[in-house]
All heavy atoms as atom14 arrays in JSON, in Angstrom:
{
  "sequence": "NIAVANRVDLGAAISDALVETQDVTVITELLNNTSAAIREETLD",
  "atom14_mask": [
    [1, 1, 1, 1, 1, 1, 1, 1, 0, 0, 0, 0, 0, 0],
    [1, 1, 1, 1, 1, 1, 1, 1, 0, 0, 0, 0, 0, 0],
    [1, 1, 1, 1, 1, 0, 0, 0, 0, 0, 0, 0, 0, 0],
    [1, 1, 1, 1, 1, 1, 1, 0, 0, 0, 0, 0, 0, 0],
    [1, 1, 1, 1, 1, 0, 0, 0, 0, 0, 0, 0, 0, 0],
    [1, 1, 1, 1, 1, 1, 1, 1, 0, 0, 0, 0, 0, 0],
    [1, 1, 1, 1, 1, 1, 1, 1, 1, 1, 1, 0, 0, 0],
    [1, 1, 1, 1, 1, 1, 1, 0, 0, 0, 0, 0, 0, 0],
    [1, 1, 1, 1, 1, 1, 1, 1, 0, 0, 0, 0, 0, 0],
    [1, 1, 1, 1, 1, 1, 1, 1, 0, 0, 0, 0, 0, 0],
    [1, 1, 1, 1, 0, 0, 0, 0, 0, 0, 0, 0, 0, 0],
    [1, 1, 1, 1, 1, 0, 0, 0, 0, 0, 0, 0, 0, 0],
    [1, 1, 1, 1, 1, 0, 0, 0, 0, 0, 0, 0, 0, 0],
    [1, 1, 1, 1, 1, 1, 1, 1, 0, 0, 0, 0, 0, 0],
    [1, 1, 1, 1, 1, 1, 0, 0, 0, 0, 0, 0, 0, 0],
    [1, 1, 1, 1, 1, 1, 1, 1, 0, 0, 0, 0, 0, 0],
    [1, 1, 1, 1, 1, 0, 0, 0, 0, 0, 0, 0, 0, 0],
    [1, 1, 1, 1, 1, 1, 1, 1, 0, 0, 0, 0, 0, 0],
    [1, 1, 1, 1, 1, 1, 1, 0, 0, 0, 0, 0, 0, 0],
    [1, 1, 1, 1, 1, 1, 1, 1, 1, 0, 0, 0, 0, 0],
    [1, 1, 1, 1, 1, 1, 1, 0, 0, 0, 0, 0, 0, 0],
    [1, 1, 1, 1, 1, 1, 1, 1, 1, 0, 0, 0, 0, 0],
    [1, 1, 1, 1, 1, 1, 1, 1, 0, 0, 0, 0, 0, 0],
    [1, 1, 1, 1, 1, 1, 1, 0, 0, 0, 0, 0, 0, 0],
    [1, 1, 1, 1, 1, 1, 1, 0, 0, 0, 0, 0, 0, 0],
    [1, 1, 1, 1, 1, 1, 1, 0, 0, 0, 0, 0, 0, 0],
    [1, 1, 1, 1, 1, 1, 1, 1, 0, 0, 0, 0, 0, 0],
    [1, 1, 1, 1, 1, 1, 1, 0, 0, 0, 0, 0, 0, 0],
    [1, 1, 1, 1, 1, 1, 1, 1, 1, 0, 0, 0, 0, 0],
    [1, 1, 1, 1, 1, 1, 1, 1, 0, 0, 0, 0, 0, 0],
    [1, 1, 1, 1, 1, 1, 1, 1, 0, 0, 0, 0, 0, 0],
    [1, 1, 1, 1, 1, 1, 1, 1, 0, 0, 0, 0, 0, 0],
    [1, 1, 1, 1, 1, 1, 1, 1, 0, 0, 0, 0, 0, 0],
    [1, 1, 1, 1, 1, 1, 1, 0, 0, 0, 0, 0, 0, 0],
    [1, 1, 1, 1, 1, 1, 0, 0, 0, 0, 0, 0, 0, 0],
    [1, 1, 1, 1, 1, 0, 0, 0, 0, 0, 0, 0, 0, 0],
    [1, 1, 1, 1, 1, 0, 0, 0, 0, 0, 0, 0, 0, 0],
    [1, 1, 1, 1, 1, 1, 1, 1, 0, 0, 0, 0, 0, 0],
    [1, 1, 1, 1, 1, 1, 1, 1, 1, 1, 1, 0, 0, 0],
    [1, 1, 1, 1, 1, 1, 1, 1, 1, 0, 0, 0, 0, 0],
    [1, 1, 1, 1, 1, 1, 1, 1, 1, 0, 0, 0, 0, 0],
    [1, 1, 1, 1, 1, 1, 1, 0, 0, 0, 0, 0, 0, 0],
    [1, 1, 1, 1, 1, 1, 1, 1, 0, 0, 0, 0, 0, 0],
    [1, 1, 1, 1, 1, 1, 1, 1, 0, 0, 0, 0, 0, 0]
  ],
  "atom14_positions": [
    [[78.7, 33.92, 84.75], [79.88, 34.77, 84.58], [79.77, 35.67, 83.34], [80.28, 36.79, 83.34], [81.13, 33.91, 84.51], [81.45, 33.26, 85.85], [80.95, 33.69, 86.88], [82.26, 32.22, 85.83], [0.0, 0.0, 0.0], [0.0, 0.0, 0.0], [0.0, 0.0, 0.0], [0.0, 0.0, 0.0], [0.0, 0.0, 0.0], [0.0, 0.0, 0.0]],
    [[79.09, 35.19, 82.3], [78.85, 36.03, 81.13], [77.95, 37.21, 81.52], [78.18, 38.34, 81.09], [78.22, 35.21, 79.99], [79.27, 34.31, 79.34], [77.59, 36.12, 78.94], [78.7, 33.36, 78.31], [0.0, 0.0, 0.0], [0.0, 0.0, 0.0], [0.0, 0.0, 0.0], [0.0, 0.0, 0.0], [0.0, 0.0, 0.0], [0.0, 0.0, 0.0]],
    [[76.94, 36.94, 82.33], [76.05, 38.02, 82.79], [76.84, 39.05, 83.6], [76.67, 40.26, 83.42], [74.91, 37.44, 83.63], [0.0, 0.0, 0.0], [0.0, 0.0, 0.0], [0.0, 0.0, 0.0], [0.0, 0.0, 0.0], [0.0, 0.0, 0.0], [0.0, 0.0, 0.0], [0.0, 0.0, 0.0], [0.0, 0.0, 0.0], [0.0, 0.0, 0.0]],
    [[77.71, 38.58, 84.48], [78.54, 39.5, 85.27], [79.45, 40.3, 84.34], [79.6, 41.53, 84.5], [79.39, 38.72, 86.3], [80.37, 39.67, 87.0], [78.5, 38.02, 87.33], [0.0, 0.0, 0.0], [0.0, 0.0, 0.0], [0.0, 0.0, 0.0], [0.0, 0.0, 0.0], [0.0, 0.0, 0.0], [0.0, 0.0, 0.0], [0.0, 0.0, 0.0]],
    [[80.04, 39.64, 83.35], [80.99, 40.3, 82.44], [80.33, 41.41, 81.63], [81.02, 42.31, 81.13], [81.6, 39.27, 81.5], [0.0, 0.0, 0.0], [0.0, 0.0, 0.0], [0.0, 0.0, 0.0], [0.0, 0.0, 0.0], [0.0, 0.0, 0.0], [0.0, 0.0, 0.0], [0.0, 0.0, 0.0], [0.0, 0.0, 0.0], [0.0, 0.0, 0.0]],
    [[79.01, 41.4, 81.54], [78.3, 42.41, 80.74], [77.76, 43.57, 81.58], [77.08, 44.45, 81.04], [77.15, 41.76, 79.97], [77.63, 41.09, 78.69], [77.86, 41.74, 77.68], [77.82, 39.78, 78.74], [0.0, 0.0, 0.0], [0.0, 0.0, 0.0], [0.0, 0.0, 0.0], [0.0, 0.0, 0.0], [0.0, 0.0, 0.0], [0.0, 0.0, 0.0]],
    [[78.06, 43.59, 82.88], [77.6, 44.7, 83.71], [78.31, 45.99, 83.32], [79.49, 45.99, 82.96], [77.85, 44.41, 85.19], [76.85, 43.45, 85.79], [77.19, 43.14, 87.25], [77.1, 44.31, 88.1], [75.99, 44.72, 88.73], [74.86, 44.05, 88.56], [76.0, 45.78, 89.5], [0.0, 0.0, 0.0], [0.0, 0.0, 0.0], [0.0, 0.0, 0.0]],
    [[77.6, 47.1, 83.41], [78.18, 48.4, 83.09], [79.13, 48.83, 84.21], [78.86, 48.61, 85.39], [77.07, 49.45, 82.89], [77.65, 50.85, 82.69], [76.19, 49.07, 81.71], [0.0, 0.0, 0.0], [0.0, 0.0, 0.0], [0.0, 0.0, 0.0], [0.0, 0.0, 0.0], [0.0, 0.0, 0.0], [0.0, 0.0, 0.0], [0.0, 0.0, 0.0]],
    [[80.26, 49.43, 83.82], [81.24, 49.97, 84.77], [81.74, 48.91, 85.76], [81.83, 49.16, 86.96], [80.66, 51.17, 85.53], [80.32, 52.33, 84.6], [81.01, 52.47, 83.58], [79.38, 53.08, 84.9], [0.0, 0.0, 0.0], [0.0, 0.0, 0.0], [0.0, 0.0, 0.0], [0.0, 0.0, 0.0], [0.0, 0.0, 0.0], [0.0, 0.0, 0.0]],
    [[82.05, 47.76, 85.24], [82.56, 46.67, 86.08], [83.9, 47.06, 86.67], [84.76, 47.63, 85.99], [82.71, 45.41, 85.21], [82.64, 44.06, 85.89], [81.29, 43.86, 86.56], [82.88, 42.96, 84.87], [0.0, 0.0, 0.0], [0.0, 0.0, 0.0], [0.0, 0.0, 0.0], [0.0, 0.0, 0.0], [0.0, 0.0, 0.0], [0.0, 0.0, 0.0]],
    [[84.11, 46.74, 87.95], [85.36, 47.08, 88.63], [86.49, 46.16, 88.26], [86.28, 45.02, 87.82], [0.0, 0.0, 0.0], [0.0, 0.0, 0.0], [0.0, 0.0, 0.0], [0.0, 0.0, 0.0], [0.0, 0.0, 0.0], [0.0, 0.0, 0.0], [0.0, 0.0, 0.0], [0.0, 0.0, 0.0], [0.0, 0.0, 0.0], [0.0, 0.0, 0.0]],
    [[87.72, 46.62, 88.46], [88.91, 45.85, 88.08], [89.01, 44.54, 88.86], [89.47, 43.52, 88.33], [90.16, 46.69, 88.29], [0.0, 0.0, 0.0], [0.0, 0.0, 0.0], [0.0, 0.0, 0.0], [0.0, 0.0, 0.0], [0.0, 0.0, 0.0], [0.0, 0.0, 0.0], [0.0, 0.0, 0.0], [0.0, 0.0, 0.0], [0.0, 0.0, 0.0]],
    [[88.61, 44.55, 90.13], [88.7, 43.33, 90.93], [87.77, 42.24, 90.37], [88.13, 41.06, 90.35], [88.34, 43.63, 92.39], [0.0, 0.0, 0.0], [0.0, 0.0, 0.0], [0.0, 0.0, 0.0], [0.0, 0.0, 0.0], [0.0, 0.0, 0.0], [0.0, 0.0, 0.0], [0.0, 0.0, 0.0], [0.0, 0.0, 0.0], [0.0, 0.0, 0.0]],
    [[86.6, 42.66, 89.91], [85.67, 41.69, 89.33], [86.21, 41.19, 87.99], [86.12, 40.0, 87.66], [84.27, 42.33, 89.14], [83.76, 42.91, 90.46], [83.3, 41.28, 88.61], [83.69, 41.91, 91.59], [0.0, 0.0, 0.0], [0.0, 0.0, 0.0], [0.0, 0.0, 0.0], [0.0, 0.0, 0.0], [0.0, 0.0, 0.0], [0.0, 0.0, 0.0]],
    [[86.8, 42.09, 87.2], [87.4, 41.68, 85.93], [88.5, 40.66, 86.17], [88.61, 39.66, 85.45], [87.96, 42.9, 85.19], [86.93, 43.79, 84.82], [0.0, 0.0, 0.0], [0.0, 0.0, 0.0], [0.0, 0.0, 0.0], [0.0, 0.0, 0.0], [0.0, 0.0, 0.0], [0.0, 0.0, 0.0], [0.0, 0.0, 0.0], [0.0, 0.0, 0.0]],
    [[89.32, 40.89, 87.19], [90.38, 39.92, 87.51], [89.79, 38.55, 87.83], [90.31, 37.52, 87.38], [91.2, 40.42, 88.71], [92.21, 41.48, 88.33], [92.48, 41.63, 87.11], [92.75, 42.15, 89.23], [0.0, 0.0, 0.0], [0.0, 0.0, 0.0], [0.0, 0.0, 0.0], [0.0, 0.0, 0.0], [0.0, 0.0, 0.0], [0.0, 0.0, 0.0]],
    [[88.73, 38.55, 88.61], [88.1, 37.27, 88.99], [87.55, 36.55, 87.76], [87.64, 35.32, 87.66], [86.98, 37.52, 90.0], [0.0, 0.0, 0.0], [0.0, 0.0, 0.0], [0.0, 0.0, 0.0], [0.0, 0.0, 0.0], [0.0, 0.0, 0.0], [0.0, 0.0, 0.0], [0.0, 0.0, 0.0], [0.0, 0.0, 0.0], [0.0, 0.0, 0.0]],
    [[86.99, 37.29, 86.82], [86.47, 36.68, 85.6], [87.6, 36.1, 84.75], [87.48, 35.02, 84.18], [85.68, 37.71, 84.79], [84.35, 38.16, 85.4], [83.78, 39.34, 84.64], [83.34, 37.01, 85.41], [0.0, 0.0, 0.0], [0.0, 0.0, 0.0], [0.0, 0.0, 0.0], [0.0, 0.0, 0.0], [0.0, 0.0, 0.0], [0.0, 0.0, 0.0]],
    [[88.71, 36.83, 84.67], [89.86, 36.33, 83.9], [90.42, 35.07, 84.55], [90.85, 34.13, 83.86], [90.95, 37.43, 83.79], [92.24, 36.86, 83.2], [90.44, 38.58, 82.94], [0.0, 0.0, 0.0], [0.0, 0.0, 0.0], [0.0, 0.0, 0.0], [0.0, 0.0, 0.0], [0.0, 0.0, 0.0], [0.0, 0.0, 0.0], [0.0, 0.0, 0.0]],
    [[90.4, 35.02, 85.87], [90.92, 33.85, 86.57], [90.11, 32.59, 86.33], [90.59, 31.48, 86.58], [90.99, 34.15, 88.08], [92.12, 35.11, 88.45], [92.03, 35.59, 89.89], [91.17, 35.07, 90.64], [92.79, 36.49, 90.26], [0.0, 0.0, 0.0], [0.0, 0.0, 0.0], [0.0, 0.0, 0.0], [0.0, 0.0, 0.0], [0.0, 0.0, 0.0]],
    [[88.88, 32.72, 85.82], [88.11, 31.53, 85.48], [88.71, 30.79, 84.29], [88.42, 29.62, 84.08], [86.65, 31.88, 85.13], [86.61, 32.65, 83.92], [85.98, 32.67, 86.26], [0.0, 0.0, 0.0], [0.0, 0.0, 0.0], [0.0, 0.0, 0.0], [0.0, 0.0, 0.0], [0.0, 0.0, 0.0], [0.0, 0.0, 0.0], [0.0, 0.0, 0.0]],
    [[89.53, 31.5, 83.5], [90.15, 30.94, 82.3], [89.12, 30.43, 81.29], [89.41, 29.58, 80.46], [91.14, 29.82, 82.67], [92.26, 30.29, 83.57], [93.26, 29.18, 83.89], [93.43, 28.25, 83.13], [93.92, 29.31, 85.03], [0.0, 0.0, 0.0], [0.0, 0.0, 0.0], [0.0, 0.0, 0.0], [0.0, 0.0, 0.0], [0.0, 0.0, 0.0]],
    [[87.92, 30.96, 81.38], [86.86, 30.6, 80.44], [86.94, 31.55, 79.24], [86.72, 32.77, 79.37], [85.49, 30.73, 81.13], [84.34, 30.2, 80.29], [84.31, 30.51, 79.08], [83.49, 29.49, 80.83], [0.0, 0.0, 0.0], [0.0, 0.0, 0.0], [0.0, 0.0, 0.0], [0.0, 0.0, 0.0], [0.0, 0.0, 0.0], [0.0, 0.0, 0.0]],
    [[87.27, 31.02, 78.07], [87.51, 31.85, 76.89], [86.27, 32.68, 76.53], [86.37, 33.87, 76.21], [87.91, 30.97, 75.68], [88.01, 31.82, 74.41], [89.24, 30.28, 75.96], [0.0, 0.0, 0.0], [0.0, 0.0, 0.0], [0.0, 0.0, 0.0], [0.0, 0.0, 0.0], [0.0, 0.0, 0.0], [0.0, 0.0, 0.0], [0.0, 0.0, 0.0]],
    [[85.09, 32.08, 76.62], [83.85, 32.79, 76.28], [83.6, 33.94, 77.24], [83.23, 35.05, 76.83], [82.65, 31.83, 76.29], [82.92, 30.74, 75.42], [81.39, 32.53, 75.85], [0.0, 0.0, 0.0], [0.0, 0.0, 0.0], [0.0, 0.0, 0.0], [0.0, 0.0, 0.0], [0.0, 0.0, 0.0], [0.0, 0.0, 0.0], [0.0, 0.0, 0.0]],
    [[83.8, 33.7, 78.51], [83.59, 34.74, 79.52], [84.57, 35.89, 79.31], [84.19, 37.07, 79.36], [83.74, 34.15, 80.94], [83.74, 35.26, 81.99], [82.63, 33.15, 81.23], [0.0, 0.0, 0.0], [0.0, 0.0, 0.0], [0.0, 0.0, 0.0], [0.0, 0.0, 0.0], [0.0, 0.0, 0.0], [0.0, 0.0, 0.0], [0.0, 0.0, 0.0]],
    [[85.82, 35.57, 79.07], [86.84, 36.6, 78.89], [86.57, 37.41, 77.62], [86.77, 38.62, 77.58], [88.25, 35.97, 78.87], [88.55, 35.34, 80.23], [89.3, 37.01, 78.53], [89.82, 34.52, 80.29], [0.0, 0.0, 0.0], [0.0, 0.0, 0.0], [0.0, 0.0, 0.0], [0.0, 0.0, 0.0], [0.0, 0.0, 0.0], [0.0, 0.0, 0.0]],
    [[86.06, 36.74, 76.58], [85.7, 37.45, 75.36], [84.6, 38.47, 75.64], [84.65, 39.62, 75.17], [85.22, 36.47, 74.27], [86.25, 35.49, 74.03], [84.91, 37.19, 72.97], [0.0, 0.0, 0.0], [0.0, 0.0, 0.0], [0.0, 0.0, 0.0], [0.0, 0.0, 0.0], [0.0, 0.0, 0.0], [0.0, 0.0, 0.0], [0.0, 0.0, 0.0]],
    [[83.58, 38.07, 76.4], [82.51, 39.01, 76.77], [83.06, 40.18, 77.58], [82.67, 41.32, 77.38], [81.44, 38.27, 77.59], [80.64, 37.24, 76.8], [79.71, 37.87, 75.78], [79.22, 38.99, 76.02], [79.5, 37.24, 74.73], [0.0, 0.0, 0.0], [0.0, 0.0, 0.0], [0.0, 0.0, 0.0], [0.0, 0.0, 0.0], [0.0, 0.0, 0.0]],
    [[83.98, 39.89, 78.49], [84.58, 40.94, 79.31], [85.33, 41.94, 78.42], [85.2, 43.16, 78.59], [85.53, 40.32, 80.33], [86.35, 41.3, 81.18], [85.44, 42.13, 82.08], [87.39, 40.55, 82.01], [0.0, 0.0, 0.0], [0.0, 0.0, 0.0], [0.0, 0.0, 0.0], [0.0, 0.0, 0.0], [0.0, 0.0, 0.0], [0.0, 0.0, 0.0]],
    [[86.13, 41.43, 77.5], [86.91, 42.32, 76.62], [86.0, 43.16, 75.74], [86.34, 44.3, 75.4], [87.87, 41.49, 75.76], [89.03, 40.83, 76.5], [89.81, 39.92, 75.57], [89.96, 41.88, 77.11], [0.0, 0.0, 0.0], [0.0, 0.0, 0.0], [0.0, 0.0, 0.0], [0.0, 0.0, 0.0], [0.0, 0.0, 0.0], [0.0, 0.0, 0.0]],
    [[84.86, 42.62, 75.35], [83.92, 43.38, 74.54], [83.17, 44.44, 75.34], [82.53, 45.32, 74.75], [82.91, 42.43, 73.88], [83.46, 41.79, 72.61], [84.02, 42.47, 71.77], [83.33, 40.47, 72.48], [0.0, 0.0, 0.0], [0.0, 0.0, 0.0], [0.0, 0.0, 0.0], [0.0, 0.0, 0.0], [0.0, 0.0, 0.0], [0.0, 0.0, 0.0]],
    [[83.22, 44.34, 76.66], [82.57, 45.33, 77.53], [83.53, 46.49, 77.73], [84.39, 46.47, 78.61], [82.21, 44.68, 78.87], [81.49, 45.64, 79.81], [81.34, 46.84, 79.52], [81.06, 45.14, 80.95], [0.0, 0.0, 0.0], [0.0, 0.0, 0.0], [0.0, 0.0, 0.0], [0.0, 0.0, 0.0], [0.0, 0.0, 0.0], [0.0, 0.0, 0.0]],
    [[83.41, 47.5, 76.9], [84.37, 48.61, 76.94], [84.26, 49.46, 78.2], [85.14, 50.27, 78.49], [84.2, 49.52, 75.71], [82.85, 49.97, 75.63], [84.55, 48.77, 74.43], [0.0, 0.0, 0.0], [0.0, 0.0, 0.0], [0.0, 0.0, 0.0], [0.0, 0.0, 0.0], [0.0, 0.0, 0.0], [0.0, 0.0, 0.0], [0.0, 0.0, 0.0]],
    [[83.19, 49.29, 78.97], [83.06, 50.05, 80.23], [83.71, 49.33, 81.4], [83.82, 49.9, 82.49], [81.58, 50.31, 80.54], [80.94, 49.11, 80.98], [0.0, 0.0, 0.0], [0.0, 0.0, 0.0], [0.0, 0.0, 0.0], [0.0, 0.0, 0.0], [0.0, 0.0, 0.0], [0.0, 0.0, 0.0], [0.0, 0.0, 0.0], [0.0, 0.0, 0.0]],
    [[84.14, 48.09, 81.19], [84.76, 47.32, 82.28], [86.2, 47.78, 82.49], [86.97, 47.92, 81.54], [84.73, 45.83, 81.95], [0.0, 0.0, 0.0], [0.0, 0.0, 0.0], [0.0, 0.0, 0.0], [0.0, 0.0, 0.0], [0.0, 0.0, 0.0], [0.0, 0.0, 0.0], [0.0, 0.0, 0.0], [0.0, 0.0, 0.0], [0.0, 0.0, 0.0]],
    [[86.55, 47.98, 83.75], [87.93, 48.34, 84.09], [88.77, 47.07, 84.15], [88.39, 46.11, 84.82], [87.98, 49.07, 85.43], [0.0, 0.0, 0.0], [0.0, 0.0, 0.0], [0.0, 0.0, 0.0], [0.0, 0.0, 0.0], [0.0, 0.0, 0.0], [0.0, 0.0, 0.0], [0.0, 0.0, 0.0], [0.0, 0.0, 0.0], [0.0, 0.0, 0.0]],
    [[89.9, 47.06, 83.44], [90.8, 45.92, 83.43], [92.2, 46.41, 83.74], [92.7, 47.32, 83.07], [90.78, 45.18, 82.07], [89.36, 44.74, 81.71], [91.71, 43.98, 82.1], [89.25, 44.05, 80.36], [0.0, 0.0, 0.0], [0.0, 0.0, 0.0], [0.0, 0.0, 0.0], [0.0, 0.0, 0.0], [0.0, 0.0, 0.0], [0.0, 0.0, 0.0]],
    [[92.82, 45.84, 84.75], [94.17, 46.27, 85.12], [95.14, 46.04, 83.97], [95.0, 45.1, 83.19], [94.66, 45.49, 86.35], [93.81, 45.66, 87.59], [94.47, 44.94, 88.76], [93.48, 44.5, 89.72], [92.97, 45.26, 90.69], [93.35, 46.52, 90.78], [92.08, 44.78, 91.53], [0.0, 0.0, 0.0], [0.0, 0.0, 0.0], [0.0, 0.0, 0.0]],
    [[96.15, 46.9, 83.9], [97.13, 46.8, 82.82], [97.86, 45.46, 82.87], [98.11, 44.84, 81.83], [98.15, 47.95, 82.93], [99.04, 48.05, 81.71], [99.87, 49.32, 81.7], [99.58, 50.24, 82.5], [100.82, 49.39, 80.9], [0.0, 0.0, 0.0], [0.0, 0.0, 0.0], [0.0, 0.0, 0.0], [0.0, 0.0, 0.0], [0.0, 0.0, 0.0]],
    [[98.15, 44.97, 84.08], [98.84, 43.68, 84.21], [97.96, 42.54, 83.68], [98.44, 41.6, 83.03], [99.22, 43.4, 85.66], [100.21, 44.39, 86.25], [99.55, 45.68, 86.73], [98.31, 45.83, 86.57], [100.28, 46.56, 87.24], [0.0, 0.0, 0.0], [0.0, 0.0, 0.0], [0.0, 0.0, 0.0], [0.0, 0.0, 0.0], [0.0, 0.0, 0.0]],
    [[96.66, 42.64, 83.97], [95.72, 41.61, 83.48], [95.63, 41.67, 81.97], [95.62, 40.63, 81.29], [94.33, 41.84, 84.1], [94.44, 41.83, 85.53], [93.36, 40.77, 83.66], [0.0, 0.0, 0.0], [0.0, 0.0, 0.0], [0.0, 0.0, 0.0], [0.0, 0.0, 0.0], [0.0, 0.0, 0.0], [0.0, 0.0, 0.0], [0.0, 0.0, 0.0]],
    [[95.57, 42.88, 81.41], [95.5, 43.04, 79.97], [96.76, 42.49, 79.3], [96.68, 41.84, 78.24], [95.32, 44.53, 79.64], [94.56, 44.88, 78.35], [93.17, 44.29, 78.36], [94.51, 46.38, 78.17], [0.0, 0.0, 0.0], [0.0, 0.0, 0.0], [0.0, 0.0, 0.0], [0.0, 0.0, 0.0], [0.0, 0.0, 0.0], [0.0, 0.0, 0.0]],
    [[97.9, 42.72, 79.92], [99.16, 42.2, 79.37], [99.12, 40.68, 79.26], [99.58, 40.09, 78.28], [100.35, 42.62, 80.25], [100.66, 44.11, 80.13], [100.18, 44.73, 79.17], [101.37, 44.63, 81.0], [0.0, 0.0, 0.0], [0.0, 0.0, 0.0], [0.0, 0.0, 0.0], [0.0, 0.0, 0.0], [0.0, 0.0, 0.0], [0.0, 0.0, 0.0]]
  ]
}
C-alpha cells in the first residue's frame, strides 16, 4: 500500500481505498504525495 500511495497522479478512488485501510504509515505516504487526488470529504 505504501508503494501504491507513492504512484504519480493517483486517482481519488485509489486514495479513498488507501485511507480506508486506516494504516497511519500508508496515509502519511499518501498525504506526502502531492500529485495524488484526494476528495475534499476524505481530506476533511
